[in-house]
Amino acid sequence: MDQPTATKRCERVLDAVGDAVIADREFLETVLTGILARGHVLLEDVPGTGKTLTARSFADALGLSFSRIQFTPDLLPADITGSNVYNEGTGDFEFSPGPVFANVVLADEINRAPPKTQAALLEAMGEGQVTVDGDTHRLPEPFFVLATQNPVEQQGTFGLPEAQRDRFIVKTEMGYPDFDGERELIDRRADRVAKAPSVEAVLQGREVPEIQRVLEGIRVDDKLRDYVVALGRATREDDRIDVGVSPRGVQRLFEAARAGAVVNGRDYVVPDDVKRVARPALAHRLVLTDEAGVRGVDREAVVADVLDRVDVPAVTPT
């Protein structure tokens, strides 16, 4: 598959999801960018904005198998990964796969489960496998986690561990719909005879890895590669930050920028591709100092300051 074909496929997915989900195009592009870059996506917002519908709609549009895990305070790790179950007929223990065995896994309200249970996803997200009682089981490919969470300030939530936050390539928010969007929600609710919004598959599941491979051929100028590294390193030098962006985070920013280029119809990356994904790709990886936390410093504001400080290279497409 070439870049123009991949871009057309992306447009079809975005159009299909956009017909069902009341959200702006930029938000949907950010989610798709994370998926194309072989990453996991964290959606954070207040309850009732459509996070769950967004995750399900992307799975349907991409033609991939889907599984939903509702995270609760009493959820156990085995409820996610699966467990060995005794078979009375054979007299042996057999592995019973958990709901994590799907192409697209919706981890709904992930921060309502305690850290031990959240950590059950770490191996799956990082290595595409789970280990149960010493035996390793591969997950289907492609494999994505689309996790939703309510803001930590909401009662009954647990902040995600730093290691888990670092596994998400992007973290983004839906925000409230505009007036017309909210009015459309009312109209949908008024017509109770009509079916709930649904999305038909516009891709075959096997096409997703083909689109992902297109990213490997996207051109990135050496100056832009230096720019990506400089942005990551600048976060570590900010006085408000205790732990800056990791080398993994720098690589993920690079991958997200390439995905953004494909979504926007180019076979090369421009500085705006990097700047567009910098906030969702970097902010959630930052660990504030105690003082900055007390002062209520916003991680996204730190990323914005870094973007202002680091010189943008002049790049001429070739």
C-alpha atoms as a PDB file:
ATOM      1  CA  MET A   1       0.000   0.000   0.000  1.00  0.00           C
ATOM      2  CA  ASP A   2       1.290   3.469  -0.882  1.00  0.00           C
ATOM      3  CA  GLN A   3       0.858   6.736   1.035  1.00  0.00           C
ATOM      4  CA  PRO A   4      -2.020   8.222  -1.045  1.00  0.00           C
ATOM      5  CA  THR A   5      -4.020   4.999  -0.631  1.00  0.00           C
ATOM      6  CA  ALA A   6      -3.297   4.912   3.095  1.00  0.00           C
ATOM      7  CA  THR A   7      -4.446   8.526   3.439  1.00  0.00           C
ATOM      8  CA  LYS A   8      -7.716   7.756   1.651  1.00  0.00           C
ATOM      9  CA  ARG A   9      -8.306   4.799   3.985  1.00  0.00           C
ATOM     10  CA  CYS A  10      -7.704   7.083   6.962  1.00  0.00           C
ATOM     11  CA  GLU A  11     -10.202   9.628   5.639  1.00  0.00           C
ATOM     12  CA  ARG A  12     -12.841   6.902   5.320  1.00  0.00           C
ATOM     13  CA  VAL A  13     -12.261   5.803   8.903  1.00  0.00           C
ATOM     14  CA  LEU A  14     -12.447   9.363  10.220  1.00  0.00           C
ATOM     15  CA  ASP A  15     -15.637  10.072   8.249  1.00  0.00           C
ATOM     16  CA  ALA A  16     -17.285   6.893   9.533  1.00  0.00           C
ATOM     17  CA  VAL A  17     -16.383   7.536  13.166  1.00  0.00           C
ATOM     18  CA  GLY A  18     -17.285  11.214  12.849  1.00  0.00           C
ATOM     19  CA  ASP A  19     -20.821  10.286  11.773  1.00  0.00           C
ATOM     20  CA  ALA A  20     -21.381   8.437  15.050  1.00  0.00           C
ATOM     21  CA  VAL A  21     -19.312  10.419  17.549  1.00  0.00           C
ATOM     22  CA  ILE A  22     -19.975  14.071  18.351  1.00  0.00           C
ATOM     23  CA  ALA A  23     -16.378  15.299  18.485  1.00  0.00           C
ATOM     24  CA  ASP A  24     -14.120  17.626  16.541  1.00  0.00           C
ATOM     25  CA  ARG A  25     -11.987  16.292  13.706  1.00  0.00           C
ATOM     26  CA  GLU A  26      -8.697  17.122  15.431  1.00  0.00           C
ATOM     27  CA  PHE A  27      -9.550  14.858  18.354  1.00  0.00           C
ATOM     28  CA  LEU A  28     -10.444  11.955  16.043  1.00  0.00           C
ATOM     29  CA  GLU A  29      -7.238  12.488  14.053  1.00  0.00           C
ATOM     30  CA  THR A  30      -5.190  12.306  17.259  1.00  0.00           C
ATOM     31  CA  VAL A  31      -6.757   8.953  18.176  1.00  0.00           C
ATOM     32  CA  LEU A  32      -6.173   7.559  14.684  1.00  0.00           C
ATOM     33  CA  THR A  33      -2.600   8.862  14.725  1.00  0.00           C
ATOM     34  CA  GLY A  34      -1.911   6.823  17.858  1.00  0.00           C
ATOM     35  CA  ILE A  35      -3.365   3.691  16.297  1.00  0.00           C
ATOM     36  CA  LEU A  36      -1.375   4.062  13.068  1.00  0.00           C
ATOM     37  CA  ALA A  37       1.829   4.520  15.076  1.00  0.00           C
ATOM     38  CA  ARG A  38       1.243   1.111  16.712  1.00  0.00           C
ATOM     39  CA  GLY A  39       0.498   2.741  20.042  1.00  0.00           C
ATOM     40  CA  HIS A  40      -2.132   2.776  22.740  1.00  0.00           C
ATOM     41  CA  VAL A  41      -4.402   5.749  23.352  1.00  0.00           C
ATOM     42  CA  LEU A  42      -5.603   7.221  26.637  1.00  0.00           C
ATOM     43  CA  LEU A  43      -8.825   9.232  26.524  1.00  0.00           C
ATOM     44  CA  GLU A  44      -9.447  11.433  29.544  1.00  0.00           C
ATOM     45  CA  ASP A  45     -12.516  13.508  30.225  1.00  0.00           C
ATOM     46  CA  VAL A  46     -15.474  13.879  32.528  1.00  0.00           C
ATOM     47  CA  PRO A  47     -18.170  11.164  32.356  1.00  0.00           C
ATOM     48  CA  GLY A  48     -20.757  11.389  29.610  1.00  0.00           C
ATOM     49  CA  THR A  49     -18.728  12.966  26.801  1.00  0.00           C
ATOM     50  CA  GLY A  50     -18.608   9.886  24.535  1.00  0.00           C
ATOM     51  CA  LYS A  51     -15.240   8.262  25.291  1.00  0.00           C
ATOM     52  CA  THR A  52     -16.614   4.713  25.242  1.00  0.00           C
ATOM     53  CA  LEU A  53     -18.527   5.292  22.002  1.00  0.00           C
ATOM     54  CA  THR A  54     -15.344   6.655  20.415  1.00  0.00           C
ATOM     55  CA  ALA A  55     -13.334   3.535  21.266  1.00  0.00           C
ATOM     56  CA  ARG A  56     -16.025   1.157  20.043  1.00  0.00           C
ATOM     57  CA  SER A  57     -16.552   3.159  16.834  1.00  0.00           C
ATOM     58  CA  PHE A  58     -12.863   3.021  15.890  1.00  0.00           C
ATOM     59  CA  ALA A  59     -12.790  -0.744  16.420  1.00  0.00           C
ATOM     60  CA  ASP A  60     -15.863  -1.183  14.222  1.00  0.00           C
ATOM     61  CA  ALA A  61     -14.579   1.122  11.463  1.00  0.00           C
ATOM     62  CA  LEU A  62     -11.202  -0.650  11.352  1.00  0.00           C
ATOM     63  CA  GLY A  63     -12.849  -4.067  11.029  1.00  0.00           C
ATOM     64  CA  LEU A  64     -11.069  -5.462  14.090  1.00  0.00           C
ATOM     65  CA  SER A  65     -12.207  -7.684  16.944  1.00  0.00           C
ATOM     66  CA  PHE A  66     -13.295  -5.766  20.013  1.00  0.00           C
ATOM     67  CA  SER A  67     -13.422  -6.415  23.727  1.00  0.00           C
ATOM     68  CA  ARG A  68     -14.517  -4.183  26.598  1.00  0.00           C
ATOM     69  CA  ILE A  69     -13.200  -4.383  30.164  1.00  0.00           C
ATOM     70  CA  GLN A  70     -15.025  -2.360  32.779  1.00  0.00           C
ATOM     71  CA  PHE A  71     -12.462  -1.442  35.421  1.00  0.00           C
ATOM     72  CA  THR A  72     -13.826  -1.464  38.966  1.00  0.00           C
ATOM     73  CA  PRO A  73     -12.211  -1.394  42.428  1.00  0.00           C
ATOM     74  CA  ASP A  74     -12.719  -5.164  42.842  1.00  0.00           C
ATOM     75  CA  LEU A  75     -11.375  -6.170  39.395  1.00  0.00           C
ATOM     76  CA  LEU A  76      -8.554  -8.743  39.626  1.00  0.00           C
ATOM     77  CA  PRO A  77      -5.592  -9.143  37.232  1.00  0.00           C
ATOM     78  CA  ALA A  78      -6.869 -12.590  36.169  1.00  0.00           C
ATOM     79  CA  ASP A  79     -10.134 -10.963  35.128  1.00  0.00           C
ATOM     80  CA  ILE A  80      -8.102  -9.182  32.429  1.00  0.00           C
ATOM     81  CA  THR A  81      -5.475 -11.688  31.324  1.00  0.00           C
ATOM     82  CA  GLY A  82      -7.354 -14.952  31.854  1.00  0.00           C
ATOM     83  CA  SER A  83      -6.447 -17.939  34.010  1.00  0.00           C
ATOM     84  CA  ASN A  84      -5.835 -21.670  33.977  1.00  0.00           C
ATOM     85  CA  VAL A  85      -9.074 -23.590  34.537  1.00  0.00           C
ATOM     86  CA  TYR A  86      -9.327 -27.240  35.501  1.00  0.00           C
ATOM     87  CA  ASN A  87     -10.974 -29.415  32.848  1.00  0.00           C
ATOM     88  CA  GLU A  88     -12.725 -32.319  34.546  1.00  0.00           C
ATOM     89  CA  GLY A  89     -12.940 -34.229  31.266  1.00  0.00           C
ATOM     90  CA  THR A  90      -9.188 -34.298  30.585  1.00  0.00           C
ATOM     91  CA  GLY A  91      -7.944 -33.893  34.131  1.00  0.00           C
ATOM     92  CA  ASP A  92      -5.693 -31.042  33.006  1.00  0.00           C
ATOM     93  CA  PHE A  93      -5.566 -27.302  33.559  1.00  0.00           C
ATOM     94  CA  GLU A  94      -6.334 -25.367  30.392  1.00  0.00           C
ATOM     95  CA  PHE A  95      -5.791 -21.689  29.723  1.00  0.00           C
ATOM     96  CA  SER A  96      -8.992 -19.673  29.426  1.00  0.00           C
ATOM     97  CA  PRO A  97      -8.178 -16.378  27.670  1.00  0.00           C
ATOM     98  CA  GLY A  98      -9.379 -13.168  29.276  1.00  0.00           C
ATOM     99  CA  PRO A  99     -10.953 -10.214  27.495  1.00  0.00           C
ATOM    100  CA  VAL A 100      -7.519  -8.761  26.705  1.00  0.00           C
ATOM    101  CA  PHE A 101      -7.332 -11.251  23.818  1.00  0.00           C
ATOM    102  CA  ALA A 102      -8.777  -9.002  21.109  1.00  0.00           C
ATOM    103  CA  ASN A 103      -7.408  -6.611  18.483  1.00  0.00           C
ATOM    104  CA  VAL A 104      -8.930  -3.570  20.163  1.00  0.00           C
ATOM    105  CA  VAL A 105      -9.393  -3.612  23.918  1.00  0.00           C
ATOM    106  CA  LEU A 106     -11.452  -0.891  25.541  1.00  0.00           C
ATOM    107  CA  ALA A 107     -10.147  -0.427  29.086  1.00  0.00           C
ATOM    108  CA  ASP A 108     -13.127   1.541  30.323  1.00  0.00           C
ATOM    109  CA  GLU A 109     -12.522   3.865  33.289  1.00  0.00           C
ATOM    110  CA  ILE A 110      -9.088   2.323  33.795  1.00  0.00           C
ATOM    111  CA  ASN A 111      -8.309   4.542  36.759  1.00  0.00           C
ATOM    112  CA  ARG A 112     -11.181   3.116  38.815  1.00  0.00           C
ATOM    113  CA  ALA A 113      -9.161  -0.059  39.439  1.00  0.00           C
ATOM    114  CA  PRO A 114      -6.273  -0.181  41.948  1.00  0.00           C
ATOM    115  CA  PRO A 115      -2.679   0.005  40.644  1.00  0.00           C
ATOM    116  CA  LYS A 116      -2.083  -3.775  40.931  1.00  0.00           C
ATOM    117  CA  THR A 117      -4.888  -4.447  38.490  1.00  0.00           C
ATOM    118  CA  GLN A 118      -3.874  -1.595  36.200  1.00  0.00           C
ATOM    119  CA  ALA A 119      -0.410  -3.141  36.048  1.00  0.00           C
ATOM    120  CA  ALA A 120      -1.886  -6.339  34.597  1.00  0.00           C
ATOM    121  CA  LEU A 121      -2.012  -4.496  31.280  1.00  0.00           C
ATOM    122  CA  LEU A 122       1.662  -3.460  31.326  1.00  0.00           C
ATOM    123  CA  GLU A 123       3.078  -6.615  29.740  1.00  0.00           C
ATOM    124  CA  ALA A 124       0.247  -6.738  27.213  1.00  0.00           C
ATOM    125  CA  MET A 125       0.768  -3.113  26.178  1.00  0.00           C
ATOM    126  CA  GLY A 126       4.548  -3.294  26.110  1.00  0.00           C
ATOM    127  CA  GLU A 127       5.182  -6.715  24.596  1.00  0.00           C
ATOM    128  CA  GLY A 128       1.928  -7.903  23.055  1.00  0.00           C
ATOM    129  CA  GLN A 129       1.725 -10.903  25.354  1.00  0.00           C
ATOM    130  CA  VAL A 130       0.575 -12.018  28.795  1.00  0.00           C
ATOM    131  CA  THR A 131       2.161 -14.472  31.189  1.00  0.00           C
ATOM    132  CA  VAL A 132      -0.062 -16.623  33.387  1.00  0.00           C
ATOM    133  CA  ASP A 133       1.413 -19.184  35.821  1.00  0.00           C
ATOM    134  CA  GLY A 134       4.733 -19.049  33.988  1.00  0.00           C
ATOM    135  CA  ASP A 135       3.299 -19.638  30.513  1.00  0.00           C
ATOM    136  CA  THR A 136       3.430 -16.859  27.904  1.00  0.00           C
ATOM    137  CA  HIS A 137       0.523 -16.310  25.528  1.00  0.00           C
ATOM    138  CA  ARG A 138       0.733 -14.070  22.479  1.00  0.00           C
ATOM    139  CA  LEU A 139      -2.013 -11.549  21.872  1.00  0.00           C
ATOM    140  CA  PRO A 140      -3.695 -11.054  18.483  1.00  0.00           C
ATOM    141  CA  GLU A 141      -2.087  -8.676  16.009  1.00  0.00           C
ATOM    142  CA  PRO A 142      -2.664  -5.840  15.631  1.00  0.00           C
ATOM    143  CA  PHE A 143      -3.298  -5.095  19.309  1.00  0.00           C
ATOM    144  CA  PHE A 144      -4.382  -1.740  20.721  1.00  0.00           C
ATOM    145  CA  VAL A 145      -5.598  -0.564  24.087  1.00  0.00           C
ATOM    146  CA  LEU A 146      -7.982   2.370  23.990  1.00  0.00           C
ATOM    147  CA  ALA A 147      -8.306   3.315  27.636  1.00  0.00           C
ATOM    148  CA  THR A 148     -10.725   5.834  29.070  1.00  0.00           C
ATOM    149  CA  GLN A 149     -10.370   7.534  32.398  1.00  0.00           C
ATOM    150  CA  ASN A 150     -12.110  10.208  34.388  1.00  0.00           C
ATOM    151  CA  PRO A 151      -9.985  13.042  35.765  1.00  0.00           C
ATOM    152  CA  VAL A 152      -8.055  12.040  38.895  1.00  0.00           C
ATOM    153  CA  GLU A 153      -9.964  14.681  40.818  1.00  0.00           C
ATOM    154  CA  GLN A 154     -13.131  12.590  40.436  1.00  0.00           C
ATOM    155  CA  GLN A 155     -14.012  10.625  43.576  1.00  0.00           C
ATOM    156  CA  GLY A 156     -13.033   6.956  43.606  1.00  0.00           C
ATOM    157  CA  THR A 157     -10.202   7.081  41.073  1.00  0.00           C
ATOM    158  CA  PHE A 158      -6.533   6.037  41.241  1.00  0.00           C
ATOM    159  CA  GLY A 159      -3.783   7.836  39.337  1.00  0.00           C
ATOM    160  CA  LEU A 160      -2.086   5.662  36.705  1.00  0.00           C
ATOM    161  CA  PRO A 161       1.462   4.558  37.567  1.00  0.00           C
ATOM    162  CA  GLU A 162       4.207   6.385  35.676  1.00  0.00           C
ATOM    163  CA  ALA A 163       5.255   3.199  33.861  1.00  0.00           C
ATOM    164  CA  GLN A 164       1.720   2.710  32.576  1.00  0.00           C
ATOM    165  CA  ARG A 165       1.311   6.306  31.427  1.00  0.00           C
ATOM    166  CA  ASP A 166       4.528   5.930  29.451  1.00  0.00           C
ATOM    167  CA  ARG A 167       2.986   3.012  27.517  1.00  0.00           C
ATOM    168  CA  PHE A 168       0.366   5.272  25.938  1.00  0.00           C
ATOM    169  CA  ILE A 169       1.615   6.945  22.786  1.00  0.00           C
ATOM    170  CA  VAL A 170      -0.894   9.777  23.154  1.00  0.00           C
ATOM    171  CA  LYS A 171      -3.305  11.071  25.762  1.00  0.00           C
ATOM    172  CA  THR A 172      -6.084  13.319  24.595  1.00  0.00           C
ATOM    173  CA  GLU A 173      -9.398  14.789  25.709  1.00  0.00           C
ATOM    174  CA  MET A 174     -12.721  15.046  23.917  1.00  0.00           C
ATOM    175  CA  GLY A 175     -13.995  18.164  25.626  1.00  0.00           C
ATOM    176  CA  TYR A 176     -17.623  19.217  25.646  1.00  0.00           C
ATOM    177  CA  PRO A 177     -19.376  19.352  22.263  1.00  0.00           C
ATOM    178  CA  ASP A 178     -20.304  22.740  20.824  1.00  0.00           C
ATOM    179  CA  PHE A 179     -23.908  23.974  20.845  1.00  0.00           C
ATOM    180  CA  ASP A 180     -24.838  22.287  17.551  1.00  0.00           C
ATOM    181  CA  GLY A 181     -23.234  19.028  18.649  1.00  0.00           C
ATOM    182  CA  GLU A 182     -25.065  19.004  21.956  1.00  0.00           C
ATOM    183  CA  ARG A 183     -28.313  19.834  20.195  1.00  0.00           C
ATOM    184  CA  GLU A 184     -27.771  16.820  17.929  1.00  0.00           C
ATOM    185  CA  LEU A 185     -27.419  14.644  21.014  1.00  0.00           C
ATOM    186  CA  ILE A 186     -30.794  15.905  22.211  1.00  0.00           C
ATOM    187  CA  ASP A 187     -32.353  15.095  18.826  1.00  0.00           C
ATOM    188  CA  ARG A 188     -30.948  11.584  18.952  1.00  0.00           C
ATOM    189  CA  ARG A 189     -32.289  11.096  22.472  1.00  0.00           C
ATOM    190  CA  ALA A 190     -35.716  12.385  21.438  1.00  0.00           C
ATOM    191  CA  ASP A 191     -36.066   9.726  18.729  1.00  0.00           C
ATOM    192  CA  ARG A 192     -36.068   6.601  20.874  1.00  0.00           C
ATOM    193  CA  VAL A 193     -37.265   4.423  17.980  1.00  0.00           C
ATOM    194  CA  ALA A 194     -34.044   4.977  16.049  1.00  0.00           C
ATOM    195  CA  LYS A 195     -31.079   2.753  16.772  1.00  0.00           C
ATOM    196  CA  ALA A 196     -28.110   4.053  18.710  1.00  0.00           C
ATOM    197  CA  PRO A 197     -25.285   5.406  16.501  1.00  0.00           C
ATOM    198  CA  SER A 198     -23.217   2.592  15.030  1.00  0.00           C
ATOM    199  CA  VAL A 199     -20.300   2.333  12.633  1.00  0.00           C
ATOM    200  CA  GLU A 200     -19.923  -0.119   9.775  1.00  0.00           C
ATOM    201  CA  ALA A 201     -16.489  -1.521   8.955  1.00  0.00           C
ATOM    202  CA  VAL A 202     -14.850   0.600   6.260  1.00  0.00           C
ATOM    203  CA  LEU A 203     -11.582  -1.374   6.347  1.00  0.00           C
ATOM    204  CA  GLN A 204     -10.757  -5.041   6.503  1.00  0.00           C
ATOM    205  CA  GLY A 205      -8.727  -5.856   9.602  1.00  0.00           C
ATOM    206  CA  ARG A 206      -5.750  -7.000   7.522  1.00  0.00           C
ATOM    207  CA  GLU A 207      -5.471  -3.517   5.999  1.00  0.00           C
ATOM    208  CA  VAL A 208      -4.517  -1.944   9.342  1.00  0.00           C
ATOM    209  CA  PRO A 209      -0.993  -3.478   9.437  1.00  0.00           C
ATOM    210  CA  GLU A 210      -0.570  -2.491   5.775  1.00  0.00           C
ATOM    211  CA  ILE A 211      -1.300   1.149   6.611  1.00  0.00           C
ATOM    212  CA  GLN A 212       1.061   0.961   9.592  1.00  0.00           C
ATOM    213  CA  ARG A 213       3.867  -0.241   7.332  1.00  0.00           C
ATOM    214  CA  VAL A 214       3.406   2.832   5.125  1.00  0.00           C
ATOM    215  CA  LEU A 215       4.810   4.911   8.012  1.00  0.00           C
ATOM    216  CA  GLU A 216       8.229   3.272   7.563  1.00  0.00           C
ATOM    217  CA  GLY A 217       8.562   4.974   4.182  1.00  0.00           C
ATOM    218  CA  ILE A 218       7.651   8.473   5.373  1.00  0.00           C
ATOM    219  CA  ARG A 219      10.608  10.832   4.947  1.00  0.00           C
ATOM    220  CA  VAL A 220      11.883  12.747   7.974  1.00  0.00           C
ATOM    221  CA  ASP A 221      14.649  15.293   7.395  1.00  0.00           C
ATOM    222  CA  ASP A 222      17.719  15.090   9.663  1.00  0.00           C
ATOM    223  CA  LYS A 223      16.955  18.565  11.006  1.00  0.00           C
ATOM    224  CA  LEU A 224      13.491  17.401  12.047  1.00  0.00           C
ATOM    225  CA  ARG A 225      14.948  14.329  13.737  1.00  0.00           C
ATOM    226  CA  ASP A 226      17.216  16.646  15.719  1.00  0.00           C
ATOM    227  CA  TYR A 227      14.162  18.774  16.549  1.00  0.00           C
ATOM    228  CA  VAL A 228      12.276  15.785  17.981  1.00  0.00           C
ATOM    229  CA  VAL A 229      15.228  14.854  20.182  1.00  0.00           C
ATOM    230  CA  ALA A 230      15.709  18.473  21.294  1.00  0.00           C
ATOM    231  CA  LEU A 231      12.072  18.714  22.400  1.00  0.00           C
ATOM    232  CA  GLY A 232      12.362  15.606  24.534  1.00  0.00           C
ATOM    233  CA  ARG A 233      15.621  16.703  26.130  1.00  0.00           C
ATOM    234  CA  ALA A 234      14.260  20.187  26.836  1.00  0.00           C
ATOM    235  CA  THR A 235      11.564  18.705  29.088  1.00  0.00           C
ATOM    236  CA  ARG A 236      14.292  17.236  31.319  1.00  0.00           C
ATOM    237  CA  GLU A 237      15.895  20.654  31.770  1.00  0.00           C
ATOM    238  CA  ASP A 238      12.720  22.425  32.940  1.00  0.00           C
ATOM    239  CA  ASP A 239      12.820  23.399  36.626  1.00  0.00           C
ATOM    240  CA  ARG A 240       9.188  22.388  37.065  1.00  0.00           C
ATOM    241  CA  ILE A 241       9.828  18.818  35.941  1.00  0.00           C
ATOM    242  CA  ASP A 242      11.230  16.070  38.155  1.00  0.00           C
ATOM    243  CA  VAL A 243      11.261  13.387  35.442  1.00  0.00           C
ATOM    244  CA  GLY A 244      11.176  14.458  31.814  1.00  0.00           C
ATOM    245  CA  VAL A 245      10.304  12.575  28.657  1.00  0.00           C
ATOM    246  CA  SER A 246      12.035   9.200  28.427  1.00  0.00           C
ATOM    247  CA  PRO A 247      13.914   7.990  25.338  1.00  0.00           C
ATOM    248  CA  ARG A 248      10.869   5.822  24.644  1.00  0.00           C
ATOM    249  CA  GLY A 249       8.751   8.956  24.677  1.00  0.00           C
ATOM    250  CA  VAL A 250      11.058  10.665  22.167  1.00  0.00           C
ATOM    251  CA  GLN A 251      10.743   7.684  19.829  1.00  0.00           C
ATOM    252  CA  ARG A 252       6.983   7.688  20.189  1.00  0.00           C
ATOM    253  CA  LEU A 253       6.839  11.383  19.317  1.00  0.00           C
ATOM    254  CA  PHE A 254       8.795  10.592  16.146  1.00  0.00           C
ATOM    255  CA  GLU A 255       6.400   7.766  15.241  1.00  0.00           C
ATOM    256  CA  ALA A 256       3.327   9.885  15.951  1.00  0.00           C
ATOM    257  CA  ALA A 257       4.671  12.660  13.715  1.00  0.00           C
ATOM    258  CA  ARG A 258       5.058  10.208  10.832  1.00  0.00           C
ATOM    259  CA  ALA A 259       1.521   8.951  11.383  1.00  0.00           C
ATOM    260  CA  GLY A 260       0.288  12.541  11.407  1.00  0.00           C
ATOM    261  CA  ALA A 261       1.906  13.128   8.034  1.00  0.00           C
ATOM    262  CA  VAL A 262       0.006  10.182   6.524  1.00  0.00           C
ATOM    263  CA  VAL A 263      -3.301  11.336   8.020  1.00  0.00           C
ATOM    264  CA  ASN A 264      -2.685  14.780   6.515  1.00  0.00           C
ATOM    265  CA  GLY A 265      -1.866  13.417   3.067  1.00  0.00           C
ATOM    266  CA  ARG A 266       1.922  13.690   2.842  1.00  0.00           C
ATOM    267  CA  ASP A 267       4.811  11.255   2.441  1.00  0.00           C
ATOM    268  CA  TYR A 268       7.144  13.519   4.414  1.00  0.00           C
ATOM    269  CA  VAL A 269       7.051  15.124   7.873  1.00  0.00           C
ATOM    270  CA  VAL A 270       6.964  18.887   8.375  1.00  0.00           C
ATOM    271  CA  PRO A 271       7.542  20.787  11.655  1.00  0.00           C
ATOM    272  CA  ASP A 272       3.796  21.266  12.116  1.00  0.00           C
ATOM    273  CA  ASP A 273       3.343  17.477  12.263  1.00  0.00           C
ATOM    274  CA  VAL A 274       5.701  17.352  15.244  1.00  0.00           C
ATOM    275  CA  LYS A 275       4.157  20.379  16.957  1.00  0.00           C
ATOM    276  CA  ARG A 276       0.624  19.056  16.424  1.00  0.00           C
ATOM    277  CA  VAL A 277       1.295  15.784  18.274  1.00  0.00           C
ATOM    278  CA  ALA A 278       3.778  17.116  20.846  1.00  0.00           C
ATOM    279  CA  ARG A 279       1.186  17.952  23.518  1.00  0.00           C
ATOM    280  CA  PRO A 280      -0.754  14.647  23.405  1.00  0.00           C
ATOM    281  CA  ALA A 281       2.462  12.615  23.005  1.00  0.00           C
ATOM    282  CA  LEU A 282       4.572  14.268  25.722  1.00  0.00           C
ATOM    283  CA  ALA A 283       2.487  15.936  28.447  1.00  0.00           C
ATOM    284  CA  HIS A 284       1.251  12.760  30.165  1.00  0.00           C
ATOM    285  CA  ARG A 285       4.825  11.442  30.471  1.00  0.00           C
ATOM    286  CA  LEU A 286       6.049  14.351  32.591  1.00  0.00           C
ATOM    287  CA  VAL A 287       6.437  14.061  36.356  1.00  0.00           C
ATOM    288  CA  LEU A 288       6.153  17.416  38.119  1.00  0.00           C
ATOM    289  CA  THR A 289       8.333  18.429  41.056  1.00  0.00           C
ATOM    290  CA  ASP A 290       6.588  18.583  44.428  1.00  0.00           C
ATOM    291  CA  GLU A 291       6.671  22.367  44.320  1.00  0.00           C
ATOM    292  CA  ALA A 292       5.166  22.493  40.838  1.00  0.00           C
ATOM    293  CA  GLY A 293       2.475  20.062  41.900  1.00  0.00           C
ATOM    294  CA  VAL A 294       1.517  22.226  44.859  1.00  0.00           C
ATOM    295  CA  ARG A 295       1.375  25.284  42.599  1.00  0.00           C
ATOM    296  CA  GLY A 296      -0.908  23.435  40.197  1.00  0.00           C
ATOM    297  CA  VAL A 297       1.418  23.607  37.209  1.00  0.00           C
ATOM    298  CA  ASP A 298      -0.174  22.224  34.053  1.00  0.00           C
ATOM    299  CA  ARG A 299       1.939  19.643  32.188  1.00  0.00           C
ATOM    300  CA  GLU A 300       0.532  20.827  28.884  1.00  0.00           C
ATOM    301  CA  ALA A 301       1.704  24.349  29.675  1.00  0.00           C
ATOM    302  CA  VAL A 302       5.204  22.959  30.192  1.00  0.00           C
ATOM    303  CA  VAL A 303       5.101  21.337  26.747  1.00  0.00           C
ATOM    304  CA  ALA A 304       3.853  24.599  25.234  1.00  0.00           C
ATOM    305  CA  ASP A 305       6.782  26.456  26.827  1.00  0.00           C
ATOM    306  CA  VAL A 306       9.216  23.863  25.477  1.00  0.00           C
ATOM    307  CA  LEU A 307       7.778  24.286  21.980  1.00  0.00           C
ATOM    308  CA  ASP A 308       8.310  28.046  22.311  1.00  0.00           C
ATOM    309  CA  ARG A 309      11.913  27.667  23.508  1.00  0.00           C
ATOM    310  CA  VAL A 310      13.217  25.121  21.028  1.00  0.00           C
ATOM    311  CA  ASP A 311      14.017  26.584  17.604  1.00  0.00           C
ATOM    312  CA  VAL A 312      11.953  25.166  14.762  1.00  0.00           C
ATOM    313  CA  PRO A 313      14.179  24.030  11.885  1.00  0.00           C
ATOM    314  CA  ALA A 314      13.706  25.303   8.368  1.00  0.00           C
ATOM    315  CA  VAL A 315      12.983  22.261   6.234  1.00  0.00           C
ATOM    316  CA  THR A 316      12.458  22.156   2.477  1.00  0.00           C
ATOM    317  CA  PRO A 317      10.444  19.139   1.265  1.00  0.00           C
ATOM    318  CA  THR A 318      12.306  17.099  -1.345  1.00  0.00           C
END
